[in-house]
Amino acid sequence: MVTCHPGLEPVVAGELENPRIGARGIELREPGRVRFWADSQAVGYRAALWLRSATRVLQLVASEPLDPRREAGDTVYESARRLLDWPLLLPPGRTVGVTSQVWSCSNVTNSQVTAGRGSGRWS
């Protein structure tokens, strides 16, 4: 997926059609985002290199439907622990920065707790 400023989605989609990049299945489904499929991680790297109108190139590493009857924070946390190969994504001794934001439509109410949980301080 590629993020961009709202309104630039058609421009980014056009840039993704460049044969140098190799993106396929390009979709404009929501403001500020353009989704595409890639046969390899190299396609993402080429998108990062050649796209001029995008702000970020993101790779989906895991996905699953969440149970709406459970607390959102716990469900997301448990899914991430179970689905992701953390030693591969983040080798021992390495760190990652966590930024957290809470919206009014969520039952997660404290961004410091979610950031701390994501960092492993409160597991």
PDB file of N, CA and C in Angstrom:
ATOM      1  N   MET A   1       0.852  -1.163   0.000  1.00  0.00           N
ATOM      2  CA  MET A   1       0.000   0.000   0.000  1.00  0.00           C
ATOM      3  C   MET A   1       0.899   1.228   0.000  1.00  0.00           C
ATOM      4  N   VAL A   2       0.402   2.287  -0.613  1.00  0.00           N
ATOM      5  CA  VAL A   2       1.112   3.555  -0.676  1.00  0.00           C
ATOM      6  C   VAL A   2       0.215   4.624  -0.072  1.00  0.00           C
ATOM      7  N   THR A   3       0.786   5.492   0.745  1.00  0.00           N
ATOM      8  CA  THR A   3       0.026   6.618   1.269  1.00  0.00           C
ATOM      9  C   THR A   3       0.405   7.878   0.496  1.00  0.00           C
ATOM     10  N   CYS A   4      -0.538   8.806   0.457  1.00  0.00           N
ATOM     11  CA  CYS A   4      -0.312  10.073  -0.240  1.00  0.00           C
ATOM     12  C   CYS A   4      -1.275  11.104   0.337  1.00  0.00           C
ATOM     13  N   HIS A   5      -1.102  12.330  -0.052  1.00  0.00           N
ATOM     14  CA  HIS A   5      -2.043  13.364   0.367  1.00  0.00           C
ATOM     15  C   HIS A   5      -3.374  13.134  -0.352  1.00  0.00           C
ATOM     16  N   PRO A   6      -4.503  13.274   0.357  1.00  0.00           N
ATOM     17  CA  PRO A   6      -5.800  13.071  -0.282  1.00  0.00           C
ATOM     18  C   PRO A   6      -5.938  13.933  -1.537  1.00  0.00           C
ATOM     19  N   GLY A   7      -6.440  13.311  -2.585  1.00  0.00           N
ATOM     20  CA  GLY A   7      -6.585  13.973  -3.867  1.00  0.00           C
ATOM     21  C   GLY A   7      -5.505  13.578  -4.866  1.00  0.00           C
ATOM     22  N   LEU A   8      -4.384  13.053  -4.359  1.00  0.00           N
ATOM     23  CA  LEU A   8      -3.290  12.632  -5.242  1.00  0.00           C
ATOM     24  C   LEU A   8      -3.352  11.147  -5.607  1.00  0.00           C
ATOM     25  N   GLU A   9      -4.386  10.439  -5.151  1.00  0.00           N
ATOM     26  CA  GLU A   9      -4.472   8.996  -5.416  1.00  0.00           C
ATOM     27  C   GLU A   9      -4.373   8.665  -6.906  1.00  0.00           C
ATOM     28  N   PRO A  10      -5.097   9.372  -7.798  1.00  0.00           N
ATOM     29  CA  PRO A  10      -4.974   9.042  -9.227  1.00  0.00           C
ATOM     30  C   PRO A  10      -3.564   9.267  -9.775  1.00  0.00           C
ATOM     31  N   VAL A  11      -2.883  10.271  -9.265  1.00  0.00           N
ATOM     32  CA  VAL A  11      -1.507  10.541  -9.704  1.00  0.00           C
ATOM     33  C   VAL A  11      -0.593   9.401  -9.269  1.00  0.00           C
ATOM     34  N   VAL A  12      -0.720   8.983  -8.002  1.00  0.00           N
ATOM     35  CA  VAL A  12       0.100   7.884  -7.483  1.00  0.00           C
ATOM     36  C   VAL A  12      -0.206   6.601  -8.240  1.00  0.00           C
ATOM     37  N   ALA A  13      -1.484   6.341  -8.505  1.00  0.00           N
ATOM     38  CA  ALA A  13      -1.857   5.140  -9.268  1.00  0.00           C
ATOM     39  C   ALA A  13      -1.203   5.167 -10.647  1.00  0.00           C
ATOM     40  N   GLY A  14      -1.188   6.331 -11.279  1.00  0.00           N
ATOM     41  CA  GLY A  14      -0.533   6.457 -12.575  1.00  0.00           C
ATOM     42  C   GLY A  14       0.961   6.192 -12.486  1.00  0.00           C
ATOM     43  N   GLU A  15       1.592   6.680 -11.420  1.00  0.00           N
ATOM     44  CA  GLU A  15       3.021   6.425 -11.226  1.00  0.00           C
ATOM     45  C   GLU A  15       3.281   4.937 -10.996  1.00  0.00           C
ATOM     46  N   LEU A  16       2.377   4.267 -10.273  1.00  0.00           N
ATOM     47  CA  LEU A  16       2.542   2.830 -10.015  1.00  0.00           C
ATOM     48  C   LEU A  16       2.432   1.999 -11.291  1.00  0.00           C
ATOM     49  N   GLU A  17       1.772   2.529 -12.303  1.00  0.00           N
ATOM     50  CA  GLU A  17       1.634   1.804 -13.573  1.00  0.00           C
ATOM     51  C   GLU A  17       2.930   1.782 -14.382  1.00  0.00           C
ATOM     52  N   ASN A  18       3.930   2.521 -13.940  1.00  0.00           N
ATOM     53  CA  ASN A  18       5.226   2.529 -14.618  1.00  0.00           C
ATOM     54  C   ASN A  18       5.799   1.107 -14.624  1.00  0.00           C
ATOM     55  N   PRO A  19       6.174   0.566 -15.788  1.00  0.00           N
ATOM     56  CA  PRO A  19       6.714  -0.794 -15.849  1.00  0.00           C
ATOM     57  C   PRO A  19       7.993  -0.984 -15.033  1.00  0.00           C
ATOM     58  N   ARG A  20       8.713   0.095 -14.753  1.00  0.00           N
ATOM     59  CA  ARG A  20       9.920  -0.023 -13.915  1.00  0.00           C
ATOM     60  C   ARG A  20       9.590  -0.536 -12.520  1.00  0.00           C
ATOM     61  N   ILE A  21       8.393  -0.210 -12.048  1.00  0.00           N
ATOM     62  CA  ILE A  21       8.013  -0.584 -10.682  1.00  0.00           C
ATOM     63  C   ILE A  21       7.506  -2.016 -10.633  1.00  0.00           C
ATOM     64  N   GLY A  22       6.618  -2.388 -11.523  1.00  0.00           N
ATOM     65  CA  GLY A  22       6.115  -3.761 -11.549  1.00  0.00           C
ATOM     66  C   GLY A  22       4.921  -4.012 -10.656  1.00  0.00           C
ATOM     67  N   ALA A  23       4.233  -2.951 -10.222  1.00  0.00           N
ATOM     68  CA  ALA A  23       3.037  -3.119  -9.386  1.00  0.00           C
ATOM     69  C   ALA A  23       1.894  -3.642 -10.241  1.00  0.00           C
ATOM     70  N   ARG A  24       0.994  -4.403  -9.620  1.00  0.00           N
ATOM     71  CA  ARG A  24      -0.186  -4.892 -10.335  1.00  0.00           C
ATOM     72  C   ARG A  24      -1.386  -4.790  -9.397  1.00  0.00           C
ATOM     73  N   GLY A  25      -2.581  -4.893  -9.960  1.00  0.00           N
ATOM     74  CA  GLY A  25      -3.799  -4.829  -9.143  1.00  0.00           C
ATOM     75  C   GLY A  25      -3.940  -3.516  -8.395  1.00  0.00           C
ATOM     76  N   ILE A  26      -3.662  -2.413  -9.043  1.00  0.00           N
ATOM     77  CA  ILE A  26      -3.692  -1.098  -8.398  1.00  0.00           C
ATOM     78  C   ILE A  26      -5.142  -0.699  -8.122  1.00  0.00           C
ATOM     79  N   GLU A  27      -5.430  -0.303  -6.859  1.00  0.00           N
ATOM     80  CA  GLU A  27      -6.798   0.037  -6.444  1.00  0.00           C
ATOM     81  C   GLU A  27      -6.820   1.339  -5.662  1.00  0.00           C
ATOM     82  N   LEU A  28      -7.764   2.191  -5.982  1.00  0.00           N
ATOM     83  CA  LEU A  28      -8.016   3.414  -5.215  1.00  0.00           C
ATOM     84  C   LEU A  28      -9.289   3.175  -4.421  1.00  0.00           C
ATOM     85  N   ARG A  29      -9.164   2.859  -3.124  1.00  0.00           N
ATOM     86  CA  ARG A  29     -10.341   2.518  -2.332  1.00  0.00           C
ATOM     87  C   ARG A  29     -10.650   3.500  -1.223  1.00  0.00           C
ATOM     88  N   GLU A  30      -9.666   4.264  -0.786  1.00  0.00           N
ATOM     89  CA  GLU A  30      -9.910   5.191   0.312  1.00  0.00           C
ATOM     90  C   GLU A  30      -9.024   6.422   0.155  1.00  0.00           C
ATOM     91  N   PRO A  31      -9.439   7.563   0.698  1.00  0.00           N
ATOM     92  CA  PRO A  31      -8.650   8.788   0.549  1.00  0.00           C
ATOM     93  C   PRO A  31      -7.246   8.630   1.141  1.00  0.00           C
ATOM     94  N   GLY A  32      -6.256   9.083   0.395  1.00  0.00           N
ATOM     95  CA  GLY A  32      -4.888   9.068   0.892  1.00  0.00           C
ATOM     96  C   GLY A  32      -4.183   7.731   0.808  1.00  0.00           C
ATOM     97  N   ARG A  33      -4.801   6.748   0.140  1.00  0.00           N
ATOM     98  CA  ARG A  33      -4.184   5.417   0.056  1.00  0.00           C
ATOM     99  C   ARG A  33      -4.408   4.804  -1.307  1.00  0.00           C
ATOM    100  N   VAL A  34      -3.384   4.145  -1.809  1.00  0.00           N
ATOM    101  CA  VAL A  34      -3.478   3.395  -3.055  1.00  0.00           C
ATOM    102  C   VAL A  34      -2.927   2.011  -2.759  1.00  0.00           C
ATOM    103  N   ARG A  35      -3.749   1.009  -3.012  1.00  0.00           N
ATOM    104  CA  ARG A  35      -3.321  -0.375  -2.770  1.00  0.00           C
ATOM    105  C   ARG A  35      -2.814  -0.988  -4.064  1.00  0.00           C
ATOM    106  N   PHE A  36      -1.839  -1.894  -3.922  1.00  0.00           N
ATOM    107  CA  PHE A  36      -1.342  -2.619  -5.087  1.00  0.00           C
ATOM    108  C   PHE A  36      -0.768  -3.952  -4.634  1.00  0.00           C
ATOM    109  N   TRP A  37      -0.597  -4.855  -5.567  1.00  0.00           N
ATOM    110  CA  TRP A  37      -0.016  -6.171  -5.301  1.00  0.00           C
ATOM    111  C   TRP A  37       1.391  -6.207  -5.851  1.00  0.00           C
ATOM    112  N   ALA A  38       2.238  -6.985  -5.213  1.00  0.00           N
ATOM    113  CA  ALA A  38       3.628  -7.111  -5.650  1.00  0.00           C
ATOM    114  C   ALA A  38       4.023  -8.577  -5.635  1.00  0.00           C
ATOM    115  N   ASP A  39       4.799  -8.973  -6.624  1.00  0.00           N
ATOM    116  CA  ASP A  39       5.289 -10.349  -6.684  1.00  0.00           C
ATOM    117  C   ASP A  39       6.492 -10.568  -5.777  1.00  0.00           C
ATOM    118  N   SER A  40       7.153  -9.492  -5.393  1.00  0.00           N
ATOM    119  CA  SER A  40       8.335  -9.608  -4.535  1.00  0.00           C
ATOM    120  C   SER A  40       8.521  -8.312  -3.757  1.00  0.00           C
ATOM    121  N   GLN A  41       9.378  -8.375  -2.754  1.00  0.00           N
ATOM    122  CA  GLN A  41       9.673  -7.185  -1.965  1.00  0.00           C
ATOM    123  C   GLN A  41      10.386  -6.133  -2.819  1.00  0.00           C
ATOM    124  N   ALA A  42      11.043  -6.577  -3.877  1.00  0.00           N
ATOM    125  CA  ALA A  42      11.742  -5.651  -4.774  1.00  0.00           C
ATOM    126  C   ALA A  42      10.778  -4.647  -5.401  1.00  0.00           C
ATOM    127  N   VAL A  43       9.530  -5.060  -5.615  1.00  0.00           N
ATOM    128  CA  VAL A  43       8.530  -4.136  -6.173  1.00  0.00           C
ATOM    129  C   VAL A  43       8.304  -2.979  -5.196  1.00  0.00           C
ATOM    130  N   GLY A  44       8.227  -3.279  -3.918  1.00  0.00           N
ATOM    131  CA  GLY A  44       8.081  -2.231  -2.907  1.00  0.00           C
ATOM    132  C   GLY A  44       9.269  -1.289  -2.885  1.00  0.00           C
ATOM    133  N   TYR A  45      10.466  -1.856  -3.011  1.00  0.00           N
ATOM    134  CA  TYR A  45      11.666  -1.011  -3.053  1.00  0.00           C
ATOM    135  C   TYR A  45      11.660  -0.115  -4.287  1.00  0.00           C
ATOM    136  N   ARG A  46      11.249  -0.672  -5.420  1.00  0.00           N
ATOM    137  CA  ARG A  46      11.188   0.142  -6.639  1.00  0.00           C
ATOM    138  C   ARG A  46      10.124   1.230  -6.509  1.00  0.00           C
ATOM    139  N   ALA A  47       9.006   0.903  -5.859  1.00  0.00           N
ATOM    140  CA  ALA A  47       7.974   1.921  -5.627  1.00  0.00           C
ATOM    141  C   ALA A  47       8.539   3.047  -4.763  1.00  0.00           C
ATOM    142  N   ALA A  48       9.269   2.691  -3.713  1.00  0.00           N
ATOM    143  CA  ALA A  48       9.866   3.711  -2.849  1.00  0.00           C
ATOM    144  C   ALA A  48      10.861   4.580  -3.618  1.00  0.00           C
ATOM    145  N   LEU A  49      11.568   3.977  -4.563  1.00  0.00           N
ATOM    146  CA  LEU A  49      12.556   4.711  -5.344  1.00  0.00           C
ATOM    147  C   LEU A  49      11.927   5.626  -6.392  1.00  0.00           C
ATOM    148  N   TRP A  50      10.910   5.122  -7.114  1.00  0.00           N
ATOM    149  CA  TRP A  50      10.404   5.838  -8.282  1.00  0.00           C
ATOM    150  C   TRP A  50       9.171   6.703  -8.045  1.00  0.00           C
ATOM    151  N   LEU A  51       8.394   6.440  -7.001  1.00  0.00           N
ATOM    152  CA  LEU A  51       7.190   7.251  -6.775  1.00  0.00           C
ATOM    153  C   LEU A  51       7.573   8.641  -6.278  1.00  0.00           C
ATOM    154  N   ARG A  52       7.008   9.654  -6.898  1.00  0.00           N
ATOM    155  CA  ARG A  52       7.294  11.031  -6.497  1.00  0.00           C
ATOM    156  C   ARG A  52       6.136  11.658  -5.733  1.00  0.00           C
ATOM    157  N   SER A  53       4.930  11.161  -5.907  1.00  0.00           N
ATOM    158  CA  SER A  53       3.752  11.770  -5.281  1.00  0.00           C
ATOM    159  C   SER A  53       3.316  11.059  -4.011  1.00  0.00           C
ATOM    160  N   ALA A  54       3.921   9.935  -3.703  1.00  0.00           N
ATOM    161  CA  ALA A  54       3.558   9.167  -2.508  1.00  0.00           C
ATOM    162  C   ALA A  54       4.341   9.671  -1.303  1.00  0.00           C
ATOM    163  N   THR A  55       3.785   9.453  -0.108  1.00  0.00           N
ATOM    164  CA  THR A  55       4.499   9.816   1.111  1.00  0.00           C
ATOM    165  C   THR A  55       5.145   8.608   1.769  1.00  0.00           C
ATOM    166  N   ARG A  56       4.533   7.422   1.633  1.00  0.00           N
ATOM    167  CA  ARG A  56       5.093   6.202   2.224  1.00  0.00           C
ATOM    168  C   ARG A  56       4.715   4.992   1.391  1.00  0.00           C
ATOM    169  N   VAL A  57       5.579   3.988   1.430  1.00  0.00           N
ATOM    170  CA  VAL A  57       5.274   2.681   0.845  1.00  0.00           C
ATOM    171  C   VAL A  57       5.245   1.710   2.013  1.00  0.00           C
ATOM    172  N   LEU A  58       4.115   1.041   2.208  1.00  0.00           N
ATOM    173  CA  LEU A  58       3.923   0.139   3.344  1.00  0.00           C
ATOM    174  C   LEU A  58       3.735  -1.289   2.863  1.00  0.00           C
ATOM    175  N   GLN A  59       4.167  -2.239   3.687  1.00  0.00           N
ATOM    176  CA  GLN A  59       3.984  -3.653   3.369  1.00  0.00           C
ATOM    177  C   GLN A  59       3.115  -4.291   4.446  1.00  0.00           C
ATOM    178  N   LEU A  60       2.051  -4.948   4.025  1.00  0.00           N
ATOM    179  CA  LEU A  60       1.196  -5.678   4.953  1.00  0.00           C
ATOM    180  C   LEU A  60       1.924  -6.950   5.373  1.00  0.00           C
ATOM    181  N   VAL A  61       2.145  -7.125   6.659  1.00  0.00           N
ATOM    182  CA  VAL A  61       2.865  -8.307   7.135  1.00  0.00           C
ATOM    183  C   VAL A  61       1.940  -9.344   7.763  1.00  0.00           C
ATOM    184  N   ALA A  62       0.726  -8.954   8.136  1.00  0.00           N
ATOM    185  CA  ALA A  62      -0.228  -9.906   8.704  1.00  0.00           C
ATOM    186  C   ALA A  62      -1.618  -9.283   8.683  1.00  0.00           C
ATOM    187  N   SER A  63      -2.620 -10.149   8.638  1.00  0.00           N
ATOM    188  CA  SER A  63      -3.997  -9.669   8.635  1.00  0.00           C
ATOM    189  C   SER A  63      -4.917 -10.782   9.099  1.00  0.00           C
ATOM    190  N   GLU A  64      -5.916 -10.423   9.872  1.00  0.00           N
ATOM    191  CA  GLU A  64      -6.969 -11.366  10.242  1.00  0.00           C
ATOM    192  C   GLU A  64      -8.160 -10.576  10.769  1.00  0.00           C
ATOM    193  N   PRO A  65      -9.367 -11.114  10.629  1.00  0.00           N
ATOM    194  CA  PRO A  65     -10.531 -10.420  11.190  1.00  0.00           C
ATOM    195  C   PRO A  65     -10.463 -10.441  12.719  1.00  0.00           C
ATOM    196  N   LEU A  66     -10.884  -9.355  13.339  1.00  0.00           N
ATOM    197  CA  LEU A  66     -10.876  -9.266  14.793  1.00  0.00           C
ATOM    198  C   LEU A  66     -12.276  -9.485  15.332  1.00  0.00           C
ATOM    199  N   ASP A  67     -12.358 -10.077  16.504  1.00  0.00           N
ATOM    200  CA  ASP A  67     -13.633 -10.341  17.161  1.00  0.00           C
ATOM    201  C   ASP A  67     -14.180  -9.028  17.725  1.00  0.00           C
ATOM    202  N   PRO A  68     -15.298  -8.514  17.193  1.00  0.00           N
ATOM    203  CA  PRO A  68     -15.817  -7.220  17.654  1.00  0.00           C
ATOM    204  C   PRO A  68     -16.349  -7.250  19.084  1.00  0.00           C
ATOM    205  N   ARG A  69     -16.534  -8.436  19.655  1.00  0.00           N
ATOM    206  CA  ARG A  69     -17.057  -8.534  21.022  1.00  0.00           C
ATOM    207  C   ARG A  69     -15.962  -8.385  22.066  1.00  0.00           C
ATOM    208  N   ARG A  70     -14.691  -8.419  21.642  1.00  0.00           N
ATOM    209  CA  ARG A  70     -13.575  -8.324  22.583  1.00  0.00           C
ATOM    210  C   ARG A  70     -12.983  -6.926  22.584  1.00  0.00           C
ATOM    211  N   GLU A  71     -12.242  -6.613  23.634  1.00  0.00           N
ATOM    212  CA  GLU A  71     -11.547  -5.326  23.722  1.00  0.00           C
ATOM    213  C   GLU A  71     -10.572  -5.207  22.560  1.00  0.00           C
ATOM    214  N   ALA A  72     -10.625  -4.090  21.848  1.00  0.00           N
ATOM    215  CA  ALA A  72      -9.806  -3.909  20.643  1.00  0.00           C
ATOM    216  C   ALA A  72      -8.315  -4.013  20.934  1.00  0.00           C
ATOM    217  N   GLY A  73      -7.844  -3.365  21.989  1.00  0.00           N
ATOM    218  CA  GLY A  73      -6.414  -3.382  22.290  1.00  0.00           C
ATOM    219  C   GLY A  73      -5.885  -4.781  22.513  1.00  0.00           C
ATOM    220  N   ASP A  74      -6.601  -5.577  23.317  1.00  0.00           N
ATOM    221  CA  ASP A  74      -6.162  -6.942  23.590  1.00  0.00           C
ATOM    222  C   ASP A  74      -6.190  -7.794  22.335  1.00  0.00           C
ATOM    223  N   THR A  75      -7.213  -7.642  21.522  1.00  0.00           N
ATOM    224  CA  THR A  75      -7.344  -8.444  20.309  1.00  0.00           C
ATOM    225  C   THR A  75      -6.209  -8.151  19.336  1.00  0.00           C
ATOM    226  N   VAL A  76      -5.906  -6.887  19.121  1.00  0.00           N
ATOM    227  CA  VAL A  76      -4.818  -6.510  18.211  1.00  0.00           C
ATOM    228  C   VAL A  76      -3.491  -7.024  18.753  1.00  0.00           C
ATOM    229  N   TYR A  77      -3.257  -6.851  20.039  1.00  0.00           N
ATOM    230  CA  TYR A  77      -2.016  -7.291  20.671  1.00  0.00           C
ATOM    231  C   TYR A  77      -1.839  -8.803  20.530  1.00  0.00           C
ATOM    232  N   GLU A  78      -2.872  -9.567  20.844  1.00  0.00           N
ATOM    233  CA  GLU A  78      -2.788 -11.030  20.745  1.00  0.00           C
ATOM    234  C   GLU A  78      -2.575 -11.477  19.304  1.00  0.00           C
ATOM    235  N   SER A  79      -3.249 -10.843  18.364  1.00  0.00           N
ATOM    236  CA  SER A  79      -3.070 -11.195  16.952  1.00  0.00           C
ATOM    237  C   SER A  79      -1.638 -10.927  16.507  1.00  0.00           C
ATOM    238  N   ALA A  80      -1.107  -9.779  16.878  1.00  0.00           N
ATOM    239  CA  ALA A  80       0.270  -9.440  16.487  1.00  0.00           C
ATOM    240  C   ALA A  80       1.269 -10.421  17.085  1.00  0.00           C
ATOM    241  N   ARG A  81       1.069 -10.824  18.323  1.00  0.00           N
ATOM    242  CA  ARG A  81       1.981 -11.802  18.947  1.00  0.00           C
ATOM    243  C   ARG A  81       1.908 -13.141  18.244  1.00  0.00           C
ATOM    244  N   ARG A  82       0.722 -13.554  17.853  1.00  0.00           N
ATOM    245  CA  ARG A  82       0.536 -14.878  17.262  1.00  0.00           C
ATOM    246  C   ARG A  82       0.930 -14.929  15.784  1.00  0.00           C
ATOM    247  N   LEU A  83       0.589 -13.914  15.016  1.00  0.00           N
ATOM    248  CA  LEU A  83       0.746 -13.966  13.564  1.00  0.00           C
ATOM    249  C   LEU A  83       2.125 -13.565  13.049  1.00  0.00           C
ATOM    250  N   LEU A  84       2.824 -12.721  13.764  1.00  0.00           N
ATOM    251  CA  LEU A  84       4.078 -12.178  13.243  1.00  0.00           C
ATOM    252  C   LEU A  84       5.286 -12.970  13.717  1.00  0.00           C
ATOM    253  N   ASP A  85       6.256 -13.112  12.841  1.00  0.00           N
ATOM    254  CA  ASP A  85       7.527 -13.756  13.175  1.00  0.00           C
ATOM    255  C   ASP A  85       8.461 -12.668  13.704  1.00  0.00           C
ATOM    256  N   TRP A  86       8.320 -12.361  14.994  1.00  0.00           N
ATOM    257  CA  TRP A  86       9.040 -11.232  15.569  1.00  0.00           C
ATOM    258  C   TRP A  86      10.555 -11.355  15.466  1.00  0.00           C
ATOM    259  N   PRO A  87      11.168 -12.523  15.713  1.00  0.00           N
ATOM    260  CA  PRO A  87      12.634 -12.598  15.558  1.00  0.00           C
ATOM    261  C   PRO A  87      13.097 -12.271  14.134  1.00  0.00           C
ATOM    262  N   LEU A  88      12.284 -12.597  13.135  1.00  0.00           N
ATOM    263  CA  LEU A  88      12.642 -12.265  11.758  1.00  0.00           C
ATOM    264  C   LEU A  88      12.468 -10.763  11.493  1.00  0.00           C
ATOM    265  N   LEU A  89      11.361 -10.197  11.979  1.00  0.00           N
ATOM    266  CA  LEU A  89      11.085  -8.779  11.756  1.00  0.00           C
ATOM    267  C   LEU A  89      11.973  -7.861  12.595  1.00  0.00           C
ATOM    268  N   LEU A  90      12.290  -8.294  13.801  1.00  0.00           N
ATOM    269  CA  LEU A  90      13.054  -7.473  14.730  1.00  0.00           C
ATOM    270  C   LEU A  90      14.054  -8.364  15.459  1.00  0.00           C
ATOM    271  N   PRO A  91      15.267  -8.514  14.914  1.00  0.00           N
ATOM    272  CA  PRO A  91      16.262  -9.406  15.520  1.00  0.00           C
ATOM    273  C   PRO A  91      16.577  -9.008  16.960  1.00  0.00           C
ATOM    274  N   PRO A  92      17.003  -9.977  17.791  1.00  0.00           N
ATOM    275  CA  PRO A  92      17.356  -9.680  19.187  1.00  0.00           C
ATOM    276  C   PRO A  92      18.393  -8.556  19.270  1.00  0.00           C
ATOM    277  N   GLY A  93      18.211  -7.687  20.242  1.00  0.00           N
ATOM    278  CA  GLY A  93      19.126  -6.575  20.434  1.00  0.00           C
ATOM    279  C   GLY A  93      18.753  -5.321  19.658  1.00  0.00           C
ATOM    280  N   ARG A  94      17.807  -5.424  18.749  1.00  0.00           N
ATOM    281  CA  ARG A  94      17.364  -4.265  17.966  1.00  0.00           C
ATOM    282  C   ARG A  94      16.153  -3.648  18.659  1.00  0.00           C
ATOM    283  N   THR A  95      15.873  -2.411  18.367  1.00  0.00           N
ATOM    284  CA  THR A  95      14.724  -1.733  18.966  1.00  0.00           C
ATOM    285  C   THR A  95      13.840  -1.160  17.872  1.00  0.00           C
ATOM    286  N   VAL A  96      12.655  -0.783  18.265  1.00  0.00           N
ATOM    287  CA  VAL A  96      11.717  -0.164  17.340  1.00  0.00           C
ATOM    288  C   VAL A  96      11.002   0.963  18.080  1.00  0.00           C
ATOM    289  N   GLY A  97      10.761   2.050  17.384  1.00  0.00           N
ATOM    290  CA  GLY A  97      10.000   3.144  17.972  1.00  0.00           C
ATOM    291  C   GLY A  97       8.513   2.894  17.787  1.00  0.00           C
ATOM    292  N   VAL A  98       7.727   3.200  18.791  1.00  0.00           N
ATOM    293  CA  VAL A  98       6.279   2.995  18.725  1.00  0.00           C
ATOM    294  C   VAL A  98       5.587   4.333  18.920  1.00  0.00           C
ATOM    295  N   THR A  99       4.742   4.681  17.978  1.00  0.00           N
ATOM    296  CA  THR A  99       3.911   5.869  18.096  1.00  0.00           C
ATOM    297  C   THR A  99       2.471   5.400  18.166  1.00  0.00           C
ATOM    298  N   SER A 100       1.726   5.910  19.111  1.00  0.00           N
ATOM    299  CA  SER A 100       0.361   5.448  19.299  1.00  0.00           C
ATOM    300  C   SER A 100      -0.596   6.629  19.263  1.00  0.00           C
ATOM    301  N   GLN A 101      -1.759   6.391  18.680  1.00  0.00           N
ATOM    302  CA  GLN A 101      -2.796   7.417  18.629  1.00  0.00           C
ATOM    303  C   GLN A 101      -4.124   6.745  18.944  1.00  0.00           C
ATOM    304  N   VAL A 102      -4.951   7.409  19.726  1.00  0.00           N
ATOM    305  CA  VAL A 102      -6.241   6.867  20.126  1.00  0.00           C
ATOM    306  C   VAL A 102      -7.335   7.731  19.516  1.00  0.00           C
ATOM    307  N   TRP A 103      -8.321   7.087  18.904  1.00  0.00           N
ATOM    308  CA  TRP A 103      -9.459   7.792  18.316  1.00  0.00           C
ATOM    309  C   TRP A 103     -10.674   7.601  19.202  1.00  0.00           C
ATOM    310  N   SER A 104     -11.635   8.485  19.069  1.00  0.00           N
ATOM    311  CA  SER A 104     -12.835   8.419  19.900  1.00  0.00           C
ATOM    312  C   SER A 104     -13.698   7.208  19.576  1.00  0.00           C
ATOM    313  N   CYS A 105     -13.505   6.590  18.410  1.00  0.00           N
ATOM    314  CA  CYS A 105     -14.334   5.442  18.036  1.00  0.00           C
ATOM    315  C   CYS A 105     -13.754   4.132  18.558  1.00  0.00           C
ATOM    316  N   SER A 106     -12.726   4.201  19.375  1.00  0.00           N
ATOM    317  CA  SER A 106     -12.047   3.001  19.849  1.00  0.00           C
ATOM    318  C   SER A 106     -12.319   2.811  21.330  1.00  0.00           C
ATOM    319  N   ASN A 107     -12.268   1.549  21.788  1.00  0.00           N
ATOM    320  CA  ASN A 107     -12.373   1.329  23.224  1.00  0.00           C
ATOM    321  C   ASN A 107     -10.985   1.271  23.860  1.00  0.00           C
ATOM    322  N   VAL A 108      -9.946   1.559  23.087  1.00  0.00           N
ATOM    323  CA  VAL A 108      -8.603   1.756  23.622  1.00  0.00           C
ATOM    324  C   VAL A 108      -8.527   3.232  23.975  1.00  0.00           C
ATOM    325  N   THR A 109      -8.290   3.554  25.243  1.00  0.00           N
ATOM    326  CA  THR A 109      -8.430   4.940  25.673  1.00  0.00           C
ATOM    327  C   THR A 109      -7.135   5.607  26.107  1.00  0.00           C
ATOM    328  N   ASN A 110      -6.030   4.874  26.218  1.00  0.00           N
ATOM    329  CA  ASN A 110      -4.801   5.469  26.710  1.00  0.00           C
ATOM    330  C   ASN A 110      -3.661   5.181  25.746  1.00  0.00           C
ATOM    331  N   SER A 111      -3.182   6.203  25.040  1.00  0.00           N
ATOM    332  CA  SER A 111      -2.130   5.997  24.041  1.00  0.00           C
ATOM    333  C   SER A 111      -0.803   5.617  24.681  1.00  0.00           C
ATOM    334  N   GLN A 112      -0.527   6.051  25.924  1.00  0.00           N
ATOM    335  CA  GLN A 112       0.727   5.671  26.574  1.00  0.00           C
ATOM    336  C   GLN A 112       0.751   4.179  26.877  1.00  0.00           C
ATOM    337  N   VAL A 113      -0.369   3.628  27.291  1.00  0.00           N
ATOM    338  CA  VAL A 113      -0.427   2.193  27.570  1.00  0.00           C
ATOM    339  C   VAL A 113      -0.268   1.397  26.284  1.00  0.00           C
ATOM    340  N   THR A 114      -0.912   1.816  25.202  1.00  0.00           N
ATOM    341  CA  THR A 114      -0.775   1.067  23.948  1.00  0.00           C
ATOM    342  C   THR A 114       0.647   1.158  23.424  1.00  0.00           C
ATOM    343  N   ALA A 115       1.295   2.302  23.530  1.00  0.00           N
ATOM    344  CA  ALA A 115       2.690   2.430  23.095  1.00  0.00           C
ATOM    345  C   ALA A 115       3.592   1.587  23.981  1.00  0.00           C
ATOM    346  N   GLY A 116       3.349   1.603  25.285  1.00  0.00           N
ATOM    347  CA  GLY A 116       4.159   0.798  26.203  1.00  0.00           C
ATOM    348  C   GLY A 116       3.991  -0.682  25.967  1.00  0.00           C
ATOM    349  N   ARG A 117       2.774  -1.117  25.727  1.00  0.00           N
ATOM    350  CA  ARG A 117       2.522  -2.525  25.448  1.00  0.00           C
ATOM    351  C   ARG A 117       3.213  -2.926  24.156  1.00  0.00           C
ATOM    352  N   GLY A 118       3.137  -2.072  23.142  1.00  0.00           N
ATOM    353  CA  GLY A 118       3.797  -2.361  21.873  1.00  0.00           C
ATOM    354  C   GLY A 118       5.300  -2.461  22.021  1.00  0.00           C
ATOM    355  N   SER A 119       5.875  -1.723  22.964  1.00  0.00           N
ATOM    356  CA  SER A 119       7.322  -1.747  23.152  1.00  0.00           C
ATOM    357  C   SER A 119       7.756  -2.917  24.018  1.00  0.00           C
ATOM    358  N   GLY A 120       6.806  -3.639  24.604  1.00  0.00           N
ATOM    359  CA  GLY A 120       7.149  -4.772  25.449  1.00  0.00           C
ATOM    360  C   GLY A 120       7.308  -4.396  26.911  1.00  0.00           C
ATOM    361  N   ARG A 121       7.118  -3.121  27.269  1.00  0.00           N
ATOM    362  CA  ARG A 121       7.261  -2.720  28.664  1.00  0.00           C
ATOM    363  C   ARG A 121       6.150  -3.292  29.534  1.00  0.00           C
ATOM    364  N   TRP A 122       4.951  -3.445  28.961  1.00  0.00           N
ATOM    365  CA  TRP A 122       3.830  -4.010  29.718  1.00  0.00           C
ATOM    366  C   TRP A 122       3.265  -5.178  28.944  1.00  0.00           C
ATOM    367  N   SER A 123       3.831  -6.343  29.092  1.00  0.00           N
ATOM    368  CA  SER A 123       3.308  -7.482  28.322  1.00  0.00           C
ATOM    369  C   SER A 123       2.490  -8.402  29.178  1.00  0.00           C
TER     370      SER A 123
END
